[in-house]
PDB file of N, CA and C in Angstrom:
ATOM      1  N   MET A   1       9.261 -27.497   5.274  1.00  0.00           N
ATOM      2  CA  MET A   1       8.112 -27.110   5.043  1.00  0.00           C
ATOM      3  C   MET A   1       7.305 -26.880   5.961  1.00  0.00           C
ATOM      4  N   GLU A   2       6.365 -25.914   6.112  1.00  0.00           N
ATOM      5  CA  GLU A   2       5.492 -25.568   7.603  1.00  0.00           C
ATOM      6  C   GLU A   2       4.158 -26.045   6.964  1.00  0.00           C
ATOM      7  N   ARG A   3       3.546 -26.892   7.803  1.00  0.00           N
ATOM      8  CA  ARG A   3       2.177 -27.339   7.701  1.00  0.00           C
ATOM      9  C   ARG A   3       1.360 -26.966   8.680  1.00  0.00           C
ATOM     10  N   GLU A   4       1.445 -26.010   9.408  1.00  0.00           N
ATOM     11  CA  GLU A   4       0.772 -25.472  10.368  1.00  0.00           C
ATOM     12  C   GLU A   4       0.755 -23.983  10.509  1.00  0.00           C
ATOM     13  N   ILE A   5      -0.349 -23.649  11.009  1.00  0.00           N
ATOM     14  CA  ILE A   5      -0.515 -22.121  11.451  1.00  0.00           C
ATOM     15  C   ILE A   5      -0.193 -21.705  12.696  1.00  0.00           C
ATOM     16  N   THR A   6       0.806 -21.217  13.127  1.00  0.00           N
ATOM     17  CA  THR A   6       0.974 -21.125  14.546  1.00  0.00           C
ATOM     18  C   THR A   6       0.597 -19.836  14.859  1.00  0.00           C
ATOM     19  N   GLU A   7       0.426 -19.664  16.323  1.00  0.00           N
ATOM     20  CA  GLU A   7      -0.044 -18.056  16.806  1.00  0.00           C
ATOM     21  C   GLU A   7       0.998 -17.111  16.453  1.00  0.00           C
ATOM     22  N   GLU A   8       2.298 -17.413  16.377  1.00  0.00           N
ATOM     23  CA  GLU A   8       3.159 -16.675  16.252  1.00  0.00           C
ATOM     24  C   GLU A   8       2.753 -15.960  14.804  1.00  0.00           C
ATOM     25  N   LYS A   9       2.856 -16.928  13.653  1.00  0.00           N
ATOM     26  CA  LYS A   9       2.834 -16.613  12.201  1.00  0.00           C
ATOM     27  C   LYS A   9       1.149 -15.678  11.921  1.00  0.00           C
ATOM     28  N   LEU A  10       0.139 -16.213  12.788  1.00  0.00           N
ATOM     29  CA  LEU A  10      -0.968 -15.372  12.701  1.00  0.00           C
ATOM     30  C   LEU A  10      -0.849 -14.153  13.212  1.00  0.00           C
ATOM     31  N   LYS A  11      -0.200 -14.013  14.404  1.00  0.00           N
ATOM     32  CA  LYS A  11      -0.163 -12.596  14.621  1.00  0.00           C
ATOM     33  C   LYS A  11       0.465 -11.649  13.695  1.00  0.00           C
ATOM     34  N   LYS A  12       1.657 -12.104  13.067  1.00  0.00           N
ATOM     35  CA  LYS A  12       2.553 -11.330  12.222  1.00  0.00           C
ATOM     36  C   LYS A  12       1.525 -10.967  11.218  1.00  0.00           C
ATOM     37  N   TYR A  13       0.839 -11.853  10.662  1.00  0.00           N
ATOM     38  CA  TYR A  13      -0.152 -11.429   9.434  1.00  0.00           C
ATOM     39  C   TYR A  13      -1.140 -10.430   9.780  1.00  0.00           C
ATOM     40  N   PHE A  14      -1.780 -10.537  11.167  1.00  0.00           N
ATOM     41  CA  PHE A  14      -2.666  -9.531  11.874  1.00  0.00           C
ATOM     42  C   PHE A  14      -1.982  -8.332  11.712  1.00  0.00           C
ATOM     43  N   GLU A  15      -0.724  -8.082  12.100  1.00  0.00           N
ATOM     44  CA  GLU A  15      -0.321  -6.934  12.427  1.00  0.00           C
ATOM     45  C   GLU A  15      -0.075  -6.287  10.891  1.00  0.00           C
ATOM     46  N   ILE A  16       0.473  -6.946  10.003  1.00  0.00           N
ATOM     47  CA  ILE A  16       0.658  -6.481   8.690  1.00  0.00           C
ATOM     48  C   ILE A  16      -0.499  -5.997   8.192  1.00  0.00           C
ATOM     49  N   THR A  17      -1.834  -6.655   8.354  1.00  0.00           N
ATOM     50  CA  THR A  17      -2.648  -6.421   7.801  1.00  0.00           C
ATOM     51  C   THR A  17      -3.877  -5.331   8.405  1.00  0.00           C
ATOM     52  N   ARG A  18      -3.489  -5.237   9.899  1.00  0.00           N
ATOM     53  CA  ARG A  18      -3.914  -3.899  10.420  1.00  0.00           C
ATOM     54  C   ARG A  18      -3.079  -2.774  10.141  1.00  0.00           C
ATOM     55  N   GLU A  19      -1.896  -2.786   9.964  1.00  0.00           N
ATOM     56  CA  GLU A  19      -1.161  -1.746   9.729  1.00  0.00           C
ATOM     57  C   GLU A  19      -1.357  -1.227   8.308  1.00  0.00           C
ATOM     58  N   ALA A  20      -1.642  -2.001   7.267  1.00  0.00           N
ATOM     59  CA  ALA A  20      -1.972  -2.061   5.868  1.00  0.00           C
ATOM     60  C   ALA A  20      -3.306  -1.241   5.758  1.00  0.00           C
ATOM     61  N   LEU A  21      -4.330  -1.438   6.669  1.00  0.00           N
ATOM     62  CA  LEU A  21      -5.447  -0.940   6.569  1.00  0.00           C
ATOM     63  C   LEU A  21      -5.280   0.423   7.401  1.00  0.00           C
ATOM     64  N   GLU A  22      -4.523   0.749   8.242  1.00  0.00           N
ATOM     65  CA  GLU A  22      -4.374   2.010   8.838  1.00  0.00           C
ATOM     66  C   GLU A  22      -3.574   3.015   8.107  1.00  0.00           C
ATOM     67  N   LYS A  23      -2.878   2.518   7.151  1.00  0.00           N
ATOM     68  CA  LYS A  23      -2.120   3.346   6.459  1.00  0.00           C
ATOM     69  C   LYS A  23      -2.647   3.501   4.941  1.00  0.00           C
ATOM     70  N   LEU A  24      -3.756   2.785   4.843  1.00  0.00           N
ATOM     71  CA  LEU A  24      -4.426   2.619   3.177  1.00  0.00           C
ATOM     72  C   LEU A  24      -5.143   4.144   3.137  1.00  0.00           C
ATOM     73  N   GLU A  25      -5.074   4.693   1.843  1.00  0.00           N
ATOM     74  CA  GLU A  25      -5.378   5.972   1.625  1.00  0.00           C
ATOM     75  C   GLU A  25      -6.480   5.390   0.121  1.00  0.00           C
ATOM     76  N   ILE A  26      -7.496   5.903   0.286  1.00  0.00           N
ATOM     77  CA  ILE A  26      -8.401   6.125  -1.057  1.00  0.00           C
ATOM     78  C   ILE A  26      -7.682   7.158  -2.093  1.00  0.00           C
ATOM     79  N   ALA A  27      -7.623   6.496  -3.472  1.00  0.00           N
ATOM     80  CA  ALA A  27      -6.889   7.492  -4.381  1.00  0.00           C
ATOM     81  C   ALA A  27      -7.461   7.862  -5.033  1.00  0.00           C
ATOM     82  N   VAL A  28      -8.995   7.766  -5.189  1.00  0.00           N
ATOM     83  CA  VAL A  28      -9.559   8.292  -6.359  1.00  0.00           C
ATOM     84  C   VAL A  28     -10.421   9.359  -5.879  1.00  0.00           C
ATOM     85  N   HIS A  29     -10.990  10.500  -6.326  1.00  0.00           N
ATOM     86  CA  HIS A  29     -11.921  11.586  -6.168  1.00  0.00           C
ATOM     87  C   HIS A  29     -13.304  10.763  -5.690  1.00  0.00           C
ATOM     88  N   GLU A  30     -13.848  11.391  -4.916  1.00  0.00           N
ATOM     89  CA  GLU A  30     -15.068  11.038  -4.414  1.00  0.00           C
ATOM     90  C   GLU A  30     -16.254  10.994  -5.564  1.00  0.00           C
ATOM     91  N   LYS A  31     -15.840  12.012  -6.584  1.00  0.00           N
ATOM     92  CA  LYS A  31     -16.986  12.159  -7.425  1.00  0.00           C
ATOM     93  C   LYS A  31     -16.639  11.080  -8.832  1.00  0.00           C
ATOM     94  N   SER A  32     -15.484  10.176  -8.570  1.00  0.00           N
ATOM     95  CA  SER A  32     -15.198   9.249  -9.827  1.00  0.00           C
ATOM     96  C   SER A  32     -15.973   8.008  -9.545  1.00  0.00           C
ATOM     97  N   LEU A  33     -16.188   7.740 -10.659  1.00  0.00           N
ATOM     98  CA  LEU A  33     -17.062   6.041 -10.631  1.00  0.00           C
ATOM     99  C   LEU A  33     -16.422   4.902 -10.007  1.00  0.00           C
ATOM    100  N   LEU A  34     -14.888   5.323  -9.935  1.00  0.00           N
ATOM    101  CA  LEU A  34     -14.172   4.105  -8.791  1.00  0.00           C
ATOM    102  C   LEU A  34     -14.247   4.301  -7.401  1.00  0.00           C
ATOM    103  N   PHE A  35     -14.760   5.863  -7.145  1.00  0.00           N
ATOM    104  CA  PHE A  35     -14.719   5.798  -5.624  1.00  0.00           C
ATOM    105  C   PHE A  35     -15.871   4.594  -4.855  1.00  0.00           C
ATOM    106  N   SER A  36     -16.696   4.308  -5.368  1.00  0.00           N
ATOM    107  CA  SER A  36     -17.627   3.242  -4.937  1.00  0.00           C
ATOM    108  C   SER A  36     -17.043   2.115  -4.817  1.00  0.00           C
ATOM    109  N   VAL A  37     -16.027   1.585  -5.799  1.00  0.00           N
ATOM    110  CA  VAL A  37     -15.249   0.514  -5.957  1.00  0.00           C
ATOM    111  C   VAL A  37     -14.304   0.646  -4.596  1.00  0.00           C
ATOM    112  N   ALA A  38     -13.510   1.587  -4.510  1.00  0.00           N
ATOM    113  CA  ALA A  38     -12.948   1.809  -3.468  1.00  0.00           C
ATOM    114  C   ALA A  38     -13.569   1.256  -2.165  1.00  0.00           C
ATOM    115  N   GLN A  39     -14.579   1.992  -1.665  1.00  0.00           N
ATOM    116  CA  GLN A  39     -15.271   2.160  -0.424  1.00  0.00           C
ATOM    117  C   GLN A  39     -15.778   0.484  -0.096  1.00  0.00           C
ATOM    118  N   ASP A  40     -16.231  -0.244  -1.588  1.00  0.00           N
ATOM    119  CA  ASP A  40     -16.548  -1.511  -1.507  1.00  0.00           C
ATOM    120  C   ASP A  40     -15.435  -2.404  -0.864  1.00  0.00           C
ATOM    121  N   PHE A  41     -14.304  -2.112  -1.477  1.00  0.00           N
ATOM    122  CA  PHE A  41     -12.790  -2.770  -1.123  1.00  0.00           C
ATOM    123  C   PHE A  41     -12.826  -2.972   0.054  1.00  0.00           C
ATOM    124  N   LEU A  42     -12.787  -1.426   0.492  1.00  0.00           N
ATOM    125  CA  LEU A  42     -12.400  -1.263   1.935  1.00  0.00           C
ATOM    126  C   LEU A  42     -13.253  -1.832   3.062  1.00  0.00           C
ATOM    127  N   THR A  43     -14.595  -1.672   2.556  1.00  0.00           N
ATOM    128  CA  THR A  43     -15.480  -2.395   3.304  1.00  0.00           C
ATOM    129  C   THR A  43     -15.116  -3.791   3.440  1.00  0.00           C
ATOM    130  N   MET A  44     -14.934  -4.680   2.622  1.00  0.00           N
ATOM    131  CA  MET A  44     -14.529  -5.873   2.552  1.00  0.00           C
ATOM    132  C   MET A  44     -13.548  -6.235   2.915  1.00  0.00           C
ATOM    133  N   ALA A  45     -12.156  -5.480   3.055  1.00  0.00           N
ATOM    134  CA  ALA A  45     -11.086  -6.061   3.850  1.00  0.00           C
ATOM    135  C   ALA A  45     -11.179  -5.745   5.261  1.00  0.00           C
ATOM    136  N   LYS A  46     -11.873  -4.625   5.662  1.00  0.00           N
ATOM    137  CA  LYS A  46     -12.406  -4.358   6.996  1.00  0.00           C
ATOM    138  C   LYS A  46     -13.280  -5.454   7.468  1.00  0.00           C
ATOM    139  N   SER A  47     -13.950  -5.833   7.047  1.00  0.00           N
ATOM    140  CA  SER A  47     -14.902  -6.906   7.440  1.00  0.00           C
ATOM    141  C   SER A  47     -14.418  -8.422   7.431  1.00  0.00           C
ATOM    142  N   TYR A  48     -13.596  -8.688   6.506  1.00  0.00           N
ATOM    143  CA  TYR A  48     -12.511  -9.955   6.448  1.00  0.00           C
ATOM    144  C   TYR A  48     -11.637  -9.715   7.758  1.00  0.00           C
ATOM    145  N   TYR A  49     -11.308  -8.718   8.126  1.00  0.00           N
ATOM    146  CA  TYR A  49     -10.130  -8.518   9.197  1.00  0.00           C
ATOM    147  C   TYR A  49     -11.136  -8.668  10.406  1.00  0.00           C
ATOM    148  N   SER A  50     -12.199  -8.212  10.440  1.00  0.00           N
ATOM    149  CA  SER A  50     -13.102  -8.667  11.781  1.00  0.00           C
ATOM    150  C   SER A  50     -13.550  -9.980  11.908  1.00  0.00           C
ATOM    151  N   ASP A  51     -13.876 -10.666  10.584  1.00  0.00           N
ATOM    152  CA  ASP A  51     -13.833 -12.014  10.873  1.00  0.00           C
ATOM    153  C   ASP A  51     -12.698 -12.683  10.982  1.00  0.00           C
ATOM    154  N   ALA A  52     -11.352 -12.453  10.576  1.00  0.00           N
ATOM    155  CA  ALA A  52     -10.207 -13.046  11.202  1.00  0.00           C
ATOM    156  C   ALA A  52     -10.201 -12.753  12.851  1.00  0.00           C
ATOM    157  N   GLU A  53     -10.329 -11.849  13.134  1.00  0.00           N
ATOM    158  CA  GLU A  53     -10.376 -11.302  14.651  1.00  0.00           C
ATOM    159  C   GLU A  53     -11.284 -12.594  15.713  1.00  0.00           C
ATOM    160  N   TYR A  54     -12.548 -12.789  15.080  1.00  0.00           N
ATOM    161  CA  TYR A  54     -13.643 -13.282  15.578  1.00  0.00           C
ATOM    162  C   TYR A  54     -12.976 -14.958  15.480  1.00  0.00           C
ATOM    163  N   TYR A  55     -12.569 -15.521  14.601  1.00  0.00           N
ATOM    164  CA  TYR A  55     -12.267 -16.878  14.529  1.00  0.00           C
ATOM    165  C   TYR A  55     -10.495 -17.036  15.159  1.00  0.00           C
ATOM    166  N   TYR A  56     -10.135 -16.026  15.428  1.00  0.00           N
ATOM    167  CA  TYR A  56      -8.803 -16.377  16.153  1.00  0.00           C
ATOM    168  C   TYR A  56      -9.171 -16.304  17.763  1.00  0.00           C
ATOM    169  N   LYS A  57     -10.232 -15.644  18.103  1.00  0.00           N
ATOM    170  CA  LYS A  57     -10.854 -15.725  19.342  1.00  0.00           C
ATOM    171  C   LYS A  57     -11.315 -16.865  19.650  1.00  0.00           C
ATOM    172  N   LYS A  58     -12.060 -17.592  18.685  1.00  0.00           N
ATOM    173  CA  LYS A  58     -12.649 -19.150  18.829  1.00  0.00           C
ATOM    174  C   LYS A  58     -11.420 -20.052  19.087  1.00  0.00           C
ATOM    175  N   GLY A  59     -10.151 -19.503  18.426  1.00  0.00           N
ATOM    176  CA  GLY A  59      -9.174 -20.805  18.487  1.00  0.00           C
ATOM    177  C   GLY A  59      -9.183 -21.167  17.119  1.00  0.00           C
ATOM    178  N   ASP A  60      -9.725 -20.944  15.846  1.00  0.00           N
ATOM    179  CA  ASP A  60      -9.944 -21.712  14.693  1.00  0.00           C
ATOM    180  C   ASP A  60      -8.934 -20.534  13.854  1.00  0.00           C
ATOM    181  N   TYR A  61      -7.815 -21.046  14.179  1.00  0.00           N
ATOM    182  CA  TYR A  61      -6.430 -20.564  13.310  1.00  0.00           C
ATOM    183  C   TYR A  61      -6.694 -20.594  11.800  1.00  0.00           C
ATOM    184  N   VAL A  62      -7.271 -21.816  11.247  1.00  0.00           N
ATOM    185  CA  VAL A  62      -6.978 -22.055  10.136  1.00  0.00           C
ATOM    186  C   VAL A  62      -8.099 -20.943   9.277  1.00  0.00           C
ATOM    187  N   THR A  63      -9.315 -20.881   9.860  1.00  0.00           N
ATOM    188  CA  THR A  63     -10.205 -20.019   9.264  1.00  0.00           C
ATOM    189  C   THR A  63      -9.661 -18.470   9.520  1.00  0.00           C
ATOM    190  N   ALA A  64      -9.282 -18.154  10.471  1.00  0.00           N
ATOM    191  CA  ALA A  64      -8.951 -17.004  10.719  1.00  0.00           C
ATOM    192  C   ALA A  64      -7.790 -16.504   9.606  1.00  0.00           C
ATOM    193  N   PHE A  65      -6.744 -17.437   9.494  1.00  0.00           N
ATOM    194  CA  PHE A  65      -5.764 -17.209   8.491  1.00  0.00           C
ATOM    195  C   PHE A  65      -6.448 -16.823   7.322  1.00  0.00           C
ATOM    196  N   ALA A  66      -7.222 -17.765   6.807  1.00  0.00           N
ATOM    197  CA  ALA A  66      -7.985 -17.386   5.633  1.00  0.00           C
ATOM    198  C   ALA A  66      -8.601 -16.209   5.404  1.00  0.00           C
ATOM    199  N   ALA A  67      -9.262 -15.547   6.396  1.00  0.00           N
ATOM    200  CA  ALA A  67     -10.065 -14.540   6.664  1.00  0.00           C
ATOM    201  C   ALA A  67      -8.928 -13.108   6.308  1.00  0.00           C
ATOM    202  N   LEU A  68      -7.418 -13.495   6.914  1.00  0.00           N
ATOM    203  CA  LEU A  68      -6.850 -12.542   6.619  1.00  0.00           C
ATOM    204  C   LEU A  68      -6.421 -12.395   5.244  1.00  0.00           C
ATOM    205  N   ASN A  69      -5.998 -13.632   4.716  1.00  0.00           N
ATOM    206  CA  ASN A  69      -5.499 -13.712   3.303  1.00  0.00           C
ATOM    207  C   ASN A  69      -6.660 -13.008   2.442  1.00  0.00           C
ATOM    208  N   TYR A  70      -7.955 -13.067   2.599  1.00  0.00           N
ATOM    209  CA  TYR A  70      -9.020 -12.253   1.885  1.00  0.00           C
ATOM    210  C   TYR A  70      -9.086 -10.804   1.979  1.00  0.00           C
ATOM    211  N   ALA A  71      -8.632 -10.502   3.406  1.00  0.00           N
ATOM    212  CA  ALA A  71      -8.720  -8.845   3.860  1.00  0.00           C
ATOM    213  C   ALA A  71      -7.373  -8.383   3.110  1.00  0.00           C
ATOM    214  N   HIS A  72      -6.271  -8.867   3.025  1.00  0.00           N
ATOM    215  CA  HIS A  72      -5.136  -8.517   2.444  1.00  0.00           C
ATOM    216  C   HIS A  72      -5.691  -8.610   0.732  1.00  0.00           C
ATOM    217  N   GLY A  73      -6.342  -9.792   0.294  1.00  0.00           N
ATOM    218  CA  GLY A  73      -6.340  -9.806  -1.128  1.00  0.00           C
ATOM    219  C   GLY A  73      -6.956  -8.470  -1.718  1.00  0.00           C
ATOM    220  N   PHE A  74      -8.000  -7.754  -0.789  1.00  0.00           N
ATOM    221  CA  PHE A  74      -8.918  -7.111  -1.262  1.00  0.00           C
ATOM    222  C   PHE A  74      -8.100  -5.595  -1.078  1.00  0.00           C
ATOM    223  N   ILE A  75      -7.176  -5.644  -0.235  1.00  0.00           N
ATOM    224  CA  ILE A  75      -6.137  -4.347   0.044  1.00  0.00           C
ATOM    225  C   ILE A  75      -5.449  -4.411  -1.225  1.00  0.00           C
ATOM    226  N   ASP A  76      -4.653  -5.721  -1.553  1.00  0.00           N
ATOM    227  CA  ASP A  76      -3.600  -5.758  -2.753  1.00  0.00           C
ATOM    228  C   ASP A  76      -4.413  -5.167  -4.118  1.00  0.00           C
ATOM    229  N   ALA A  77      -5.574  -5.582  -4.409  1.00  0.00           N
ATOM    230  CA  ALA A  77      -6.412  -5.528  -5.421  1.00  0.00           C
ATOM    231  C   ALA A  77      -6.719  -4.262  -5.638  1.00  0.00           C
ATOM    232  N   GLY A  78      -7.243  -3.564  -4.378  1.00  0.00           N
ATOM    233  CA  GLY A  78      -7.262  -2.067  -4.480  1.00  0.00           C
ATOM    234  C   GLY A  78      -6.299  -1.474  -5.073  1.00  0.00           C
ATOM    235  N   VAL A  79      -5.055  -1.563  -4.518  1.00  0.00           N
ATOM    236  CA  VAL A  79      -3.714  -0.950  -4.725  1.00  0.00           C
ATOM    237  C   VAL A  79      -3.459  -1.002  -6.357  1.00  0.00           C
ATOM    238  N   ARG A  80      -3.437  -2.523  -6.913  1.00  0.00           N
ATOM    239  CA  ARG A  80      -3.061  -2.691  -8.374  1.00  0.00           C
ATOM    240  C   ARG A  80      -4.287  -1.977  -9.283  1.00  0.00           C
ATOM    241  N   LEU A  81      -5.411  -1.706  -8.954  1.00  0.00           N
ATOM    242  CA  LEU A  81      -6.442  -1.223  -9.422  1.00  0.00           C
ATOM    243  C   LEU A  81      -6.097   0.381  -9.538  1.00  0.00           C
ATOM    244  N   GLY A  82      -5.466   0.941  -8.731  1.00  0.00           N
ATOM    245  CA  GLY A  82      -5.409   2.254  -8.721  1.00  0.00           C
ATOM    246  C   GLY A  82      -6.356   3.131  -7.450  1.00  0.00           C
ATOM    247  N   VAL A  83      -7.157   2.424  -6.903  1.00  0.00           N
ATOM    248  CA  VAL A  83      -8.447   3.159  -6.179  1.00  0.00           C
ATOM    249  C   VAL A  83      -7.502   3.471  -4.659  1.00  0.00           C
ATOM    250  N   PHE A  84      -6.611   2.534  -4.343  1.00  0.00           N
ATOM    251  CA  PHE A  84      -5.933   2.565  -3.238  1.00  0.00           C
ATOM    252  C   PHE A  84      -4.651   3.189  -3.158  1.00  0.00           C
ATOM    253  N   LYS A  85      -4.083   4.108  -2.567  1.00  0.00           N
ATOM    254  CA  LYS A  85      -2.586   4.488  -2.384  1.00  0.00           C
ATOM    255  C   LYS A  85      -1.949   3.433  -1.567  1.00  0.00           C
ATOM    256  N   GLY A  86      -0.988   2.842  -1.792  1.00  0.00           N
ATOM    257  CA  GLY A  86      -0.260   1.813  -1.196  1.00  0.00           C
ATOM    258  C   GLY A  86       1.436   1.776  -1.692  1.00  0.00           C
ATOM    259  N   GLU A  87       1.815   2.704  -1.003  1.00  0.00           N
ATOM    260  CA  GLU A  87       3.532   2.672  -1.514  1.00  0.00           C
ATOM    261  C   GLU A  87       4.579   1.715  -0.997  1.00  0.00           C
ATOM    262  N   ASP A  88       4.084   0.903   0.302  1.00  0.00           N
ATOM    263  CA  ASP A  88       4.795   0.526   1.295  1.00  0.00           C
ATOM    264  C   ASP A  88       4.896  -0.864   0.938  1.00  0.00           C
ATOM    265  N   ASP A  89       6.023  -1.640   0.081  1.00  0.00           N
ATOM    266  CA  ASP A  89       6.034  -2.691  -0.385  1.00  0.00           C
ATOM    267  C   ASP A  89       6.136  -3.852   0.558  1.00  0.00           C
ATOM    268  N   ARG A  90       6.443  -3.282   2.111  1.00  0.00           N
ATOM    269  CA  ARG A  90       6.364  -4.432   2.987  1.00  0.00           C
ATOM    270  C   ARG A  90       4.796  -4.649   3.461  1.00  0.00           C
ATOM    271  N   LEU A  91       4.104  -3.669   3.102  1.00  0.00           N
ATOM    272  CA  LEU A  91       2.267  -3.672   3.320  1.00  0.00           C
ATOM    273  C   LEU A  91       1.611  -4.492   2.241  1.00  0.00           C
ATOM    274  N   PHE A  92       2.050  -3.807   0.958  1.00  0.00           N
ATOM    275  CA  PHE A  92       1.218  -3.723  -0.005  1.00  0.00           C
ATOM    276  C   PHE A  92       1.924  -4.844  -1.117  1.00  0.00           C
ATOM    277  N   ALA A  93       1.224  -5.519  -1.872  1.00  0.00           N
ATOM    278  CA  ALA A  93       1.997  -6.101  -2.758  1.00  0.00           C
ATOM    279  C   ALA A  93       2.283  -5.701  -4.151  1.00  0.00           C
ATOM    280  N   PHE A  94       1.805  -4.506  -4.283  1.00  0.00           N
ATOM    281  CA  PHE A  94       1.795  -3.771  -5.603  1.00  0.00           C
ATOM    282  C   PHE A  94       2.005  -2.321  -5.363  1.00  0.00           C
ATOM    283  N   GLY A  95       2.804  -2.111  -4.179  1.00  0.00           N
ATOM    284  CA  GLY A  95       3.077  -1.006  -3.668  1.00  0.00           C
ATOM    285  C   GLY A  95       4.347  -0.256  -4.385  1.00  0.00           C
TER     286      GLY A  95
END
């Protein structure tokens, strides 16, 4: 059982989340009521990713890992809700 957030593990999750953000597409029309939800989810995911980078650079791996999990949570929630396209099951939990 692992009880430590290693730099190797953190880099792996940075890569997965970064790649998911790069491949992510909004799946609803801009006139849809859900378009603002998609934009909000995307903003939150990018903001948490940015927070993760900030804490990583400070050496706070625990908070960086937590922020990455929040970022990816917004991505996966958006895919599940249907406001994002996410078909790669390596990057998206509900793809």
